[in-house]
PDB file of N, CA and C in Angstrom:
ATOM      1  N   UNK A   1     -23.848  28.053 -24.109  1.00  0.00           N
ATOM      2  CA  UNK A   1     -22.446  27.748 -23.881  1.00  0.00           C
ATOM      3  C   UNK A   1     -22.293  27.194 -22.464  1.00  0.00           C
ATOM      4  N   UNK A   2     -21.517  26.128 -22.345  1.00  0.00           N
ATOM      5  CA  UNK A   2     -21.335  25.460 -21.065  1.00  0.00           C
ATOM      6  C   UNK A   2     -20.207  26.121 -20.282  1.00  0.00           C
ATOM      7  N   UNK A   3     -20.382  26.227 -18.962  1.00  0.00           N
ATOM      8  CA  UNK A   3     -19.367  26.834 -18.103  1.00  0.00           C
ATOM      9  C   UNK A   3     -18.304  25.797 -17.754  1.00  0.00           C
ATOM     10  N   UNK A   4     -17.091  25.946 -18.290  1.00  0.00           N
ATOM     11  CA  UNK A   4     -15.999  25.004 -18.029  1.00  0.00           C
ATOM     12  C   UNK A   4     -15.223  25.347 -16.778  1.00  0.00           C
ATOM     13  N   UNK A   5     -15.617  26.394 -16.077  1.00  0.00           N
ATOM     14  CA  UNK A   5     -14.916  26.806 -14.868  1.00  0.00           C
ATOM     15  C   UNK A   5     -15.573  26.261 -13.608  1.00  0.00           C
ATOM     16  N   UNK A   6     -16.362  25.206 -13.747  1.00  0.00           N
ATOM     17  CA  UNK A   6     -17.011  24.634 -12.574  1.00  0.00           C
ATOM     18  C   UNK A   6     -15.947  23.994 -11.680  1.00  0.00           C
ATOM     19  N   UNK A   7     -16.104  24.191 -10.376  1.00  0.00           N
ATOM     20  CA  UNK A   7     -15.173  23.611  -9.425  1.00  0.00           C
ATOM     21  C   UNK A   7     -15.670  22.234  -9.003  1.00  0.00           C
ATOM     22  N   UNK A   8     -14.720  21.352  -8.730  1.00  0.00           N
ATOM     23  CA  UNK A   8     -15.076  20.032  -8.229  1.00  0.00           C
ATOM     24  C   UNK A   8     -15.684  20.187  -6.841  1.00  0.00           C
ATOM     25  N   UNK A   9     -16.594  19.285  -6.476  1.00  0.00           N
ATOM     26  CA  UNK A   9     -17.181  19.370  -5.137  1.00  0.00           C
ATOM     27  C   UNK A   9     -16.089  19.267  -4.065  1.00  0.00           C
ATOM     28  N   UNK A  10     -16.277  20.004  -2.987  1.00  0.00           N
ATOM     29  CA  UNK A  10     -15.312  20.022  -1.879  1.00  0.00           C
ATOM     30  C   UNK A  10     -15.602  18.845  -0.946  1.00  0.00           C
ATOM     31  N   UNK A  11     -14.558  18.163  -0.532  1.00  0.00           N
ATOM     32  CA  UNK A  11     -14.694  17.046   0.389  1.00  0.00           C
ATOM     33  C   UNK A  11     -13.762  17.271   1.567  1.00  0.00           C
ATOM     34  N   UNK A  12     -14.323  17.361   2.761  1.00  0.00           N
ATOM     35  CA  UNK A  12     -13.505  17.471   3.972  1.00  0.00           C
ATOM     36  C   UNK A  12     -13.116  16.068   4.417  1.00  0.00           C
ATOM     37  N   UNK A  13     -11.830  15.860   4.603  1.00  0.00           N
ATOM     38  CA  UNK A  13     -11.322  14.558   5.045  1.00  0.00           C
ATOM     39  C   UNK A  13     -10.710  14.735   6.416  1.00  0.00           C
ATOM     40  N   UNK A  14     -11.166  13.930   7.351  1.00  0.00           N
ATOM     41  CA  UNK A  14     -10.660  13.992   8.714  1.00  0.00           C
ATOM     42  C   UNK A  14      -9.636  12.885   8.919  1.00  0.00           C
ATOM     43  N   UNK A  15      -8.523  13.229   9.549  1.00  0.00           N
ATOM     44  CA  UNK A  15      -7.452  12.278   9.822  1.00  0.00           C
ATOM     45  C   UNK A  15      -7.151  12.309  11.311  1.00  0.00           C
ATOM     46  N   UNK A  16      -7.505  11.234  12.003  1.00  0.00           N
ATOM     47  CA  UNK A  16      -7.266  11.185  13.446  1.00  0.00           C
ATOM     48  C   UNK A  16      -5.770  11.031  13.718  1.00  0.00           C
ATOM     49  N   UNK A  17      -5.353  11.372  14.933  1.00  0.00           N
ATOM     50  CA  UNK A  17      -3.938  11.254  15.314  1.00  0.00           C
ATOM     51  C   UNK A  17      -3.454   9.822  15.185  1.00  0.00           C
ATOM     52  N   UNK A  18      -4.267   8.883  15.623  1.00  0.00           N
ATOM     53  CA  UNK A  18      -3.884   7.461  15.588  1.00  0.00           C
ATOM     54  C   UNK A  18      -3.652   6.997  14.152  1.00  0.00           C
ATOM     55  N   UNK A  19      -4.540   7.351  13.256  1.00  0.00           N
ATOM     56  CA  UNK A  19      -4.395   6.944  11.856  1.00  0.00           C
ATOM     57  C   UNK A  19      -3.240   7.708  11.201  1.00  0.00           C
ATOM     58  N   UNK A  20      -3.039   8.957  11.566  1.00  0.00           N
ATOM     59  CA  UNK A  20      -1.971   9.776  10.987  1.00  0.00           C
ATOM     60  C   UNK A  20      -0.585   9.200  11.277  1.00  0.00           C
ATOM     61  N   UNK A  21      -0.442   8.470  12.382  1.00  0.00           N
ATOM     62  CA  UNK A  21       0.845   7.852  12.709  1.00  0.00           C
ATOM     63  C   UNK A  21       1.229   6.792  11.693  1.00  0.00           C
ATOM     64  N   UNK A  22       0.243   6.166  11.074  1.00  0.00           N
ATOM     65  CA  UNK A  22       0.511   5.147  10.068  1.00  0.00           C
ATOM     66  C   UNK A  22       0.873   3.810  10.681  1.00  0.00           C
ATOM     67  N   UNK A  23       0.881   2.809   9.837  1.00  0.00           N
ATOM     68  CA  UNK A  23       1.242   1.452  10.236  1.00  0.00           C
ATOM     69  C   UNK A  23       2.274   0.954   9.238  1.00  0.00           C
ATOM     70  N   UNK A  24       3.401   0.469   9.728  1.00  0.00           N
ATOM     71  CA  UNK A  24       4.450  -0.045   8.859  1.00  0.00           C
ATOM     72  C   UNK A  24       4.062  -1.416   8.326  1.00  0.00           C
ATOM     73  N   UNK A  25       4.286  -1.623   7.052  1.00  0.00           N
ATOM     74  CA  UNK A  25       4.021  -2.910   6.419  1.00  0.00           C
ATOM     75  C   UNK A  25       5.130  -3.196   5.425  1.00  0.00           C
ATOM     76  N   UNK A  26       5.619  -4.443   5.422  1.00  0.00           N
ATOM     77  CA  UNK A  26       6.621  -4.827   4.438  1.00  0.00           C
ATOM     78  C   UNK A  26       6.172  -6.033   3.619  1.00  0.00           C
ATOM     79  N   UNK A  27       4.879  -6.316   3.688  1.00  0.00           N
ATOM     80  CA  UNK A  27       4.303  -7.400   2.897  1.00  0.00           C
ATOM     81  C   UNK A  27       2.822  -7.115   2.706  1.00  0.00           C
ATOM     82  N   UNK A  28       2.336  -7.305   1.501  1.00  0.00           N
ATOM     83  CA  UNK A  28       0.906  -7.166   1.227  1.00  0.00           C
ATOM     84  C   UNK A  28       0.438  -8.427   0.522  1.00  0.00           C
ATOM     85  N   UNK A  29      -0.687  -8.944   0.959  1.00  0.00           N
ATOM     86  CA  UNK A  29      -1.299 -10.099   0.322  1.00  0.00           C
ATOM     87  C   UNK A  29      -2.632  -9.644  -0.245  1.00  0.00           C
ATOM     88  N   UNK A  30      -2.832  -9.887  -1.521  1.00  0.00           N
ATOM     89  CA  UNK A  30      -4.035  -9.419  -2.207  1.00  0.00           C
ATOM     90  C   UNK A  30      -4.855 -10.611  -2.664  1.00  0.00           C
ATOM     91  N   UNK A  31      -6.123 -10.610  -2.294  1.00  0.00           N
ATOM     92  CA  UNK A  31      -7.065 -11.620  -2.758  1.00  0.00           C
ATOM     93  C   UNK A  31      -8.274 -10.899  -3.332  1.00  0.00           C
ATOM     94  N   UNK A  32      -9.096 -11.627  -4.073  1.00  0.00           N
ATOM     95  CA  UNK A  32     -10.271 -10.980  -4.647  1.00  0.00           C
ATOM     96  C   UNK A  32     -11.383 -11.983  -4.886  1.00  0.00           C
ATOM     97  N   UNK A  33     -12.581 -11.449  -4.931  1.00  0.00           N
ATOM     98  CA  UNK A  33     -13.753 -12.198  -5.341  1.00  0.00           C
ATOM     99  C   UNK A  33     -14.316 -11.476  -6.556  1.00  0.00           C
ATOM    100  N   UNK A  34     -15.492 -11.849  -6.973  1.00  0.00           N
ATOM    101  CA  UNK A  34     -16.100 -11.194  -8.124  1.00  0.00           C
ATOM    102  C   UNK A  34     -16.471  -9.740  -7.807  1.00  0.00           C
ATOM    103  N   UNK A  35     -16.681  -9.445  -6.524  1.00  0.00           N
ATOM    104  CA  UNK A  35     -17.194  -8.115  -6.188  1.00  0.00           C
ATOM    105  C   UNK A  35     -16.246  -7.248  -5.368  1.00  0.00           C
ATOM    106  N   UNK A  36     -15.116  -7.803  -4.880  1.00  0.00           N
ATOM    107  CA  UNK A  36     -14.234  -6.988  -4.051  1.00  0.00           C
ATOM    108  C   UNK A  36     -12.802  -7.499  -4.078  1.00  0.00           C
ATOM    109  N   UNK A  37     -11.888  -6.565  -3.783  1.00  0.00           N
ATOM    110  CA  UNK A  37     -10.481  -6.883  -3.580  1.00  0.00           C
ATOM    111  C   UNK A  37     -10.191  -6.683  -2.099  1.00  0.00           C
ATOM    112  N   UNK A  38      -9.371  -7.573  -1.545  1.00  0.00           N
ATOM    113  CA  UNK A  38      -8.966  -7.483  -0.146  1.00  0.00           C
ATOM    114  C   UNK A  38      -7.440  -7.389  -0.122  1.00  0.00           C
ATOM    115  N   UNK A  39      -6.938  -6.330   0.509  1.00  0.00           N
ATOM    116  CA  UNK A  39      -5.494  -6.163   0.648  1.00  0.00           C
ATOM    117  C   UNK A  39      -5.161  -6.226   2.129  1.00  0.00           C
ATOM    118  N   UNK A  40      -4.397  -7.243   2.516  1.00  0.00           N
ATOM    119  CA  UNK A  40      -3.924  -7.379   3.891  1.00  0.00           C
ATOM    120  C   UNK A  40      -2.486  -6.863   3.952  1.00  0.00           C
ATOM    121  N   UNK A  41      -2.253  -5.886   4.814  1.00  0.00           N
ATOM    122  CA  UNK A  41      -0.925  -5.335   5.023  1.00  0.00           C
ATOM    123  C   UNK A  41      -0.334  -5.983   6.269  1.00  0.00           C
ATOM    124  N   UNK A  42       0.857  -6.547   6.116  1.00  0.00           N
ATOM    125  CA  UNK A  42       1.467  -7.375   7.153  1.00  0.00           C
ATOM    126  C   UNK A  42       2.861  -6.845   7.457  1.00  0.00           C
ATOM    127  N   UNK A  43       3.264  -6.974   8.716  1.00  0.00           N
ATOM    128  CA  UNK A  43       4.629  -6.633   9.112  1.00  0.00           C
ATOM    129  C   UNK A  43       5.309  -7.922   9.528  1.00  0.00           C
ATOM    130  N   UNK A  44       6.371  -8.307   8.802  1.00  0.00           N
ATOM    131  CA  UNK A  44       7.155  -9.471   9.198  1.00  0.00           C
ATOM    132  C   UNK A  44       8.478  -8.967   9.743  1.00  0.00           C
ATOM    133  N   UNK A  45       8.973  -9.653  10.762  1.00  0.00           N
ATOM    134  CA  UNK A  45      10.212  -9.244  11.410  1.00  0.00           C
ATOM    135  C   UNK A  45      11.224 -10.384  11.345  1.00  0.00           C
ATOM    136  N   UNK A  46      12.505 -10.057  11.268  1.00  0.00           N
ATOM    137  CA  UNK A  46      13.535 -11.099  11.179  1.00  0.00           C
ATOM    138  C   UNK A  46      13.529 -11.984  12.418  1.00  0.00           C
ATOM    139  N   UNK A  47      13.645 -13.274  12.181  1.00  0.00           N
ATOM    140  CA  UNK A  47      13.735 -14.225  13.287  1.00  0.00           C
ATOM    141  C   UNK A  47      12.414 -14.503  13.977  1.00  0.00           C
ATOM    142  N   UNK A  48      11.326 -13.918  13.519  1.00  0.00           N
ATOM    143  CA  UNK A  48      10.011 -14.134  14.121  1.00  0.00           C
ATOM    144  C   UNK A  48       9.176 -14.925  13.124  1.00  0.00           C
ATOM    145  N   UNK A  49       8.840 -16.173  13.462  1.00  0.00           N
ATOM    146  CA  UNK A  49       8.155 -17.034  12.490  1.00  0.00           C
ATOM    147  C   UNK A  49       6.681 -16.700  12.276  1.00  0.00           C
ATOM    148  N   UNK A  50       6.103 -15.859  13.096  1.00  0.00           N
ATOM    149  CA  UNK A  50       4.682 -15.529  12.969  1.00  0.00           C
ATOM    150  C   UNK A  50       4.532 -14.050  12.635  1.00  0.00           C
ATOM    151  N   UNK A  51       3.699 -13.779  11.643  1.00  0.00           N
ATOM    152  CA  UNK A  51       3.451 -12.389  11.248  1.00  0.00           C
ATOM    153  C   UNK A  51       1.976 -12.082  11.477  1.00  0.00           C
ATOM    154  N   UNK A  52       1.684 -10.819  11.697  1.00  0.00           N
ATOM    155  CA  UNK A  52       0.315 -10.411  11.997  1.00  0.00           C
ATOM    156  C   UNK A  52      -0.160  -9.398  10.959  1.00  0.00           C
ATOM    157  N   UNK A  53      -1.403  -9.563  10.534  1.00  0.00           N
ATOM    158  CA  UNK A  53      -2.008  -8.575   9.649  1.00  0.00           C
ATOM    159  C   UNK A  53      -2.199  -7.305  10.459  1.00  0.00           C
ATOM    160  N   UNK A  54      -1.645  -6.207   9.973  1.00  0.00           N
ATOM    161  CA  UNK A  54      -1.728  -4.928  10.679  1.00  0.00           C
ATOM    162  C   UNK A  54      -2.903  -4.091  10.209  1.00  0.00           C
ATOM    163  N   UNK A  55      -3.325  -4.318   8.959  1.00  0.00           N
ATOM    164  CA  UNK A  55      -4.443  -3.558   8.415  1.00  0.00           C
ATOM    165  C   UNK A  55      -5.029  -4.319   7.233  1.00  0.00           C
ATOM    166  N   UNK A  56      -6.336  -4.233   7.071  1.00  0.00           N
ATOM    167  CA  UNK A  56      -7.020  -4.859   5.935  1.00  0.00           C
ATOM    168  C   UNK A  56      -7.863  -3.794   5.247  1.00  0.00           C
ATOM    169  N   UNK A  57      -7.705  -3.697   3.941  1.00  0.00           N
ATOM    170  CA  UNK A  57      -8.453  -2.732   3.141  1.00  0.00           C
ATOM    171  C   UNK A  57      -9.317  -3.505   2.151  1.00  0.00           C
ATOM    172  N   UNK A  58     -10.599  -3.154   2.087  1.00  0.00           N
ATOM    173  CA  UNK A  58     -11.529  -3.763   1.139  1.00  0.00           C
ATOM    174  C   UNK A  58     -11.854  -2.733   0.067  1.00  0.00           C
ATOM    175  N   UNK A  59     -11.785  -3.149  -1.193  1.00  0.00           N
ATOM    176  CA  UNK A  59     -12.012  -2.242  -2.317  1.00  0.00           C
ATOM    177  C   UNK A  59     -12.923  -2.876  -3.347  1.00  0.00           C
ATOM    178  N   UNK A  60     -13.723  -2.058  -4.014  1.00  0.00           N
ATOM    179  CA  UNK A  60     -14.444  -2.542  -5.182  1.00  0.00           C
ATOM    180  C   UNK A  60     -13.428  -2.713  -6.306  1.00  0.00           C
ATOM    181  N   UNK A  61     -13.733  -3.511  -7.326  1.00  0.00           N
ATOM    182  CA  UNK A  61     -12.800  -3.637  -8.452  1.00  0.00           C
ATOM    183  C   UNK A  61     -12.480  -2.282  -9.100  1.00  0.00           C
ATOM    184  N   UNK A  62     -13.466  -1.395  -9.168  1.00  0.00           N
ATOM    185  CA  UNK A  62     -13.234  -0.083  -9.760  1.00  0.00           C
ATOM    186  C   UNK A  62     -12.253   0.738  -8.915  1.00  0.00           C
ATOM    187  N   UNK A  63     -12.406   0.692  -7.591  1.00  0.00           N
ATOM    188  CA  UNK A  63     -11.472   1.412  -6.713  1.00  0.00           C
ATOM    189  C   UNK A  63     -10.083   0.785  -6.770  1.00  0.00           C
ATOM    190  N   UNK A  64     -10.014  -0.540  -6.871  1.00  0.00           N
ATOM    191  CA  UNK A  64      -8.717  -1.210  -6.970  1.00  0.00           C
ATOM    192  C   UNK A  64      -7.988  -0.752  -8.229  1.00  0.00           C
ATOM    193  N   UNK A  65      -8.714  -0.643  -9.331  1.00  0.00           N
ATOM    194  CA  UNK A  65      -8.098  -0.199 -10.580  1.00  0.00           C
ATOM    195  C   UNK A  65      -7.618   1.247 -10.468  1.00  0.00           C
ATOM    196  N   UNK A  66      -8.405   2.109  -9.826  1.00  0.00           N
ATOM    197  CA  UNK A  66      -7.988   3.500  -9.625  1.00  0.00           C
ATOM    198  C   UNK A  66      -6.762   3.572  -8.715  1.00  0.00           C
ATOM    199  N   UNK A  67      -6.706   2.697  -7.695  1.00  0.00           N
ATOM    200  CA  UNK A  67      -5.546   2.664  -6.801  1.00  0.00           C
ATOM    201  C   UNK A  67      -4.288   2.266  -7.570  1.00  0.00           C
ATOM    202  N   UNK A  68      -4.391   1.252  -8.426  1.00  0.00           N
ATOM    203  CA  UNK A  68      -3.245   0.827  -9.236  1.00  0.00           C
ATOM    204  C   UNK A  68      -2.765   1.979 -10.113  1.00  0.00           C
ATOM    205  N   UNK A  69      -3.691   2.692 -10.728  1.00  0.00           N
ATOM    206  CA  UNK A  69      -3.332   3.828 -11.591  1.00  0.00           C
ATOM    207  C   UNK A  69      -2.658   4.935 -10.776  1.00  0.00           C
ATOM    208  N   UNK A  70      -3.212   5.247  -9.607  1.00  0.00           N
ATOM    209  CA  UNK A  70      -2.638   6.300  -8.761  1.00  0.00           C
ATOM    210  C   UNK A  70      -1.246   5.902  -8.269  1.00  0.00           C
ATOM    211  N   UNK A  71      -1.067   4.641  -7.887  1.00  0.00           N
ATOM    212  CA  UNK A  71       0.255   4.174  -7.457  1.00  0.00           C
ATOM    213  C   UNK A  71       1.262   4.265  -8.602  1.00  0.00           C
ATOM    214  N   UNK A  72       0.855   3.856  -9.790  1.00  0.00           N
ATOM    215  CA  UNK A  72       1.757   3.909 -10.948  1.00  0.00           C
ATOM    216  C   UNK A  72       2.176   5.345 -11.239  1.00  0.00           C
ATOM    217  N   UNK A  73       1.235   6.272 -11.192  1.00  0.00           N
ATOM    218  CA  UNK A  73       1.552   7.682 -11.442  1.00  0.00           C
ATOM    219  C   UNK A  73       2.504   8.225 -10.380  1.00  0.00           C
ATOM    220  N   UNK A  74       2.270   7.871  -9.118  1.00  0.00           N
ATOM    221  CA  UNK A  74       3.133   8.353  -8.040  1.00  0.00           C
ATOM    222  C   UNK A  74       4.512   7.714  -8.080  1.00  0.00           C
ATOM    223  N   UNK A  75       4.602   6.441  -8.447  1.00  0.00           N
ATOM    224  CA  UNK A  75       5.905   5.803  -8.596  1.00  0.00           C
ATOM    225  C   UNK A  75       6.701   6.462  -9.717  1.00  0.00           C
ATOM    226  N   UNK A  76       6.032   6.789 -10.815  1.00  0.00           N
ATOM    227  CA  UNK A  76       6.704   7.460 -11.921  1.00  0.00           C
ATOM    228  C   UNK A  76       7.245   8.821 -11.470  1.00  0.00           C
ATOM    229  N   UNK A  77       6.446   9.580 -10.741  1.00  0.00           N
ATOM    230  CA  UNK A  77       6.887  10.889 -10.242  1.00  0.00           C
ATOM    231  C   UNK A  77       8.049  10.737  -9.267  1.00  0.00           C
ATOM    232  N   UNK A  78       7.980   9.743  -8.386  1.00  0.00           N
ATOM    233  CA  UNK A  78       9.050   9.486  -7.422  1.00  0.00           C
ATOM    234  C   UNK A  78      10.353   9.187  -8.150  1.00  0.00           C
ATOM    235  N   UNK A  79      10.284   8.295  -9.165  1.00  0.00           N
ATOM    236  CA  UNK A  79      11.492   7.903  -9.883  1.00  0.00           C
ATOM    237  C   UNK A  79      12.068   9.049 -10.708  1.00  0.00           C
ATOM    238  N   UNK A  80      11.233   9.964 -11.170  1.00  0.00           N
ATOM    239  CA  UNK A  80      11.738  11.127 -11.902  1.00  0.00           C
ATOM    240  C   UNK A  80      12.619  11.991 -11.004  1.00  0.00           C
ATOM    241  N   UNK A  81      12.277  12.065  -9.720  1.00  0.00           N
ATOM    242  CA  UNK A  81      13.024  12.897  -8.775  1.00  0.00           C
ATOM    243  C   UNK A  81      14.168  12.121  -8.133  1.00  0.00           C
ATOM    244  N   UNK A  82      13.926  10.848  -7.772  1.00  0.00           N
ATOM    245  CA  UNK A  82      14.871  10.085  -6.953  1.00  0.00           C
ATOM    246  C   UNK A  82      15.627   8.990  -7.687  1.00  0.00           C
ATOM    247  N   UNK A  83      15.324   8.763  -8.944  1.00  0.00           N
ATOM    248  CA  UNK A  83      15.975   7.687  -9.687  1.00  0.00           C
ATOM    249  C   UNK A  83      15.178   6.397  -9.613  1.00  0.00           C
ATOM    250  N   UNK A  84      15.529   5.484 -10.490  1.00  0.00           N
ATOM    251  CA  UNK A  84      14.816   4.217 -10.625  1.00  0.00           C
ATOM    252  C   UNK A  84      14.874   3.414  -9.325  1.00  0.00           C
ATOM    253  N   UNK A  85      13.749   2.864  -8.953  1.00  0.00           N
ATOM    254  CA  UNK A  85      13.663   1.986  -7.784  1.00  0.00           C
ATOM    255  C   UNK A  85      14.118   0.600  -8.218  1.00  0.00           C
ATOM    256  N   UNK A  86      15.046   0.015  -7.474  1.00  0.00           N
ATOM    257  CA  UNK A  86      15.539  -1.320  -7.786  1.00  0.00           C
ATOM    258  C   UNK A  86      14.422  -2.320  -7.545  1.00  0.00           C
ATOM    259  N   UNK A  87      14.099  -3.099  -8.558  1.00  0.00           N
ATOM    260  CA  UNK A  87      13.038  -4.090  -8.476  1.00  0.00           C
ATOM    261  C   UNK A  87      13.620  -5.423  -8.018  1.00  0.00           C
ATOM    262  N   UNK A  88      13.319  -5.814  -6.793  1.00  0.00           N
ATOM    263  CA  UNK A  88      13.821  -7.061  -6.239  1.00  0.00           C
ATOM    264  C   UNK A  88      12.655  -8.025  -6.115  1.00  0.00           C
ATOM    265  N   UNK A  89      12.697  -9.081  -6.896  1.00  0.00           N
ATOM    266  CA  UNK A  89      11.627 -10.073  -6.846  1.00  0.00           C
ATOM    267  C   UNK A  89      12.239 -11.430  -6.555  1.00  0.00           C
ATOM    268  N   UNK A  90      12.497 -11.651  -5.274  1.00  0.00           N
ATOM    269  CA  UNK A  90      13.108 -12.929  -4.892  1.00  0.00           C
ATOM    270  C   UNK A  90      12.177 -13.740  -4.001  1.00  0.00           C
ATOM    271  N   UNK A  91      10.891 -13.639  -4.252  1.00  0.00           N
ATOM    272  CA  UNK A  91       9.940 -14.459  -3.526  1.00  0.00           C
ATOM    273  C   UNK A  91       9.591 -13.910  -2.161  1.00  0.00           C
ATOM    274  N   UNK A  92       9.133 -14.782  -1.304  1.00  0.00           N
ATOM    275  CA  UNK A  92       8.662 -14.425   0.028  1.00  0.00           C
ATOM    276  C   UNK A  92       9.849 -14.092   0.927  1.00  0.00           C
ATOM    277  N   UNK A  93       9.905 -12.896   1.505  1.00  0.00           N
ATOM    278  CA  UNK A  93      11.076 -12.446   2.281  1.00  0.00           C
ATOM    279  C   UNK A  93      11.108 -13.017   3.703  1.00  0.00           C
ATOM    280  N   UNK A  94      11.537 -14.259   3.857  1.00  0.00           N
ATOM    281  CA  UNK A  94      11.613 -14.857   5.189  1.00  0.00           C
ATOM    282  C   UNK A  94      12.881 -14.422   5.924  1.00  0.00           C
ATOM    283  N   UNK A  95      13.933 -14.111   5.200  1.00  0.00           N
ATOM    284  CA  UNK A  95      15.187 -13.708   5.828  1.00  0.00           C
ATOM    285  C   UNK A  95      15.489 -12.263   5.468  1.00  0.00           C
ATOM    286  N   UNK A  96      15.939 -11.498   6.415  1.00  0.00           N
ATOM    287  CA  UNK A  96      16.273 -10.106   6.170  1.00  0.00           C
ATOM    288  C   UNK A  96      17.771  -9.934   5.932  1.00  0.00           C
ATOM    289  N   UNK A  97      18.520 -11.029   5.984  1.00  0.00           N
ATOM    290  CA  UNK A  97      19.948 -10.947   5.693  1.00  0.00           C
ATOM    291  C   UNK A  97      20.812 -10.648   6.899  1.00  0.00           C
ATOM    292  N   UNK A  98      20.229 -10.365   8.017  1.00  0.00           N
ATOM    293  CA  UNK A  98      20.998 -10.071   9.225  1.00  0.00           C
ATOM    294  C   UNK A  98      21.076 -11.281  10.122  1.00  0.00           C
ATOM    295  N   UNK A  99      21.642 -11.104  11.322  1.00  0.00           N
ATOM    296  CA  UNK A  99      21.740 -12.217  12.269  1.00  0.00           C
ATOM    297  C   UNK A  99      20.362 -12.636  12.765  1.00  0.00           C
ATOM    298  N   UNK A 100      20.222 -13.909  13.093  1.00  0.00           N
ATOM    299  CA  UNK A 100      18.971 -14.442  13.624  1.00  0.00           C
ATOM    300  C   UNK A 100      18.808 -13.997  15.091  1.00  0.00           C
ATOM    301  N   UNK A 101      17.607 -13.626  15.449  1.00  0.00           N
ATOM    302  CA  UNK A 101      17.349 -13.179  16.828  1.00  0.00           C
ATOM    303  C   UNK A 101      17.554 -14.323  17.803  1.00  0.00           C
ATOM    304  N   UNK A 102      18.148 -14.010  18.952  1.00  0.00           N
ATOM    305  CA  UNK A 102      18.352 -15.002  19.999  1.00  0.00           C
ATOM    306  C   UNK A 102      17.958 -14.373  21.332  1.00  0.00           C
ATOM    307  N   UNK A 103      17.431 -15.214  22.213  1.00  0.00           N
ATOM    308  CA  UNK A 103      17.035 -14.723  23.534  1.00  0.00           C
ATOM    309  C   UNK A 103      18.115 -15.009  24.549  1.00  0.00           C
TER     310      UNK A 103
END
């Protein structure tokens, strides 16, 4: 008889203070090759014509698929508690709707 009470291996994950602060991103650009997915997280600001990649994540196709599944599950849980997230798909967000920055 097989023991079904086996515990999953323990993994210690270290989170430095700098990484724990996080990086704000309001745009992600995803590209891929046959062997990897690249996700560039970018912060664009109103009135600023140049945006900078704040973080780049490289994933295998298998990890990318697991990430999509995990995001979908978490979005479903979020919406169960907080209500449906409004889906706004109006293209590339160049304008934030506020006044243009002036010096």
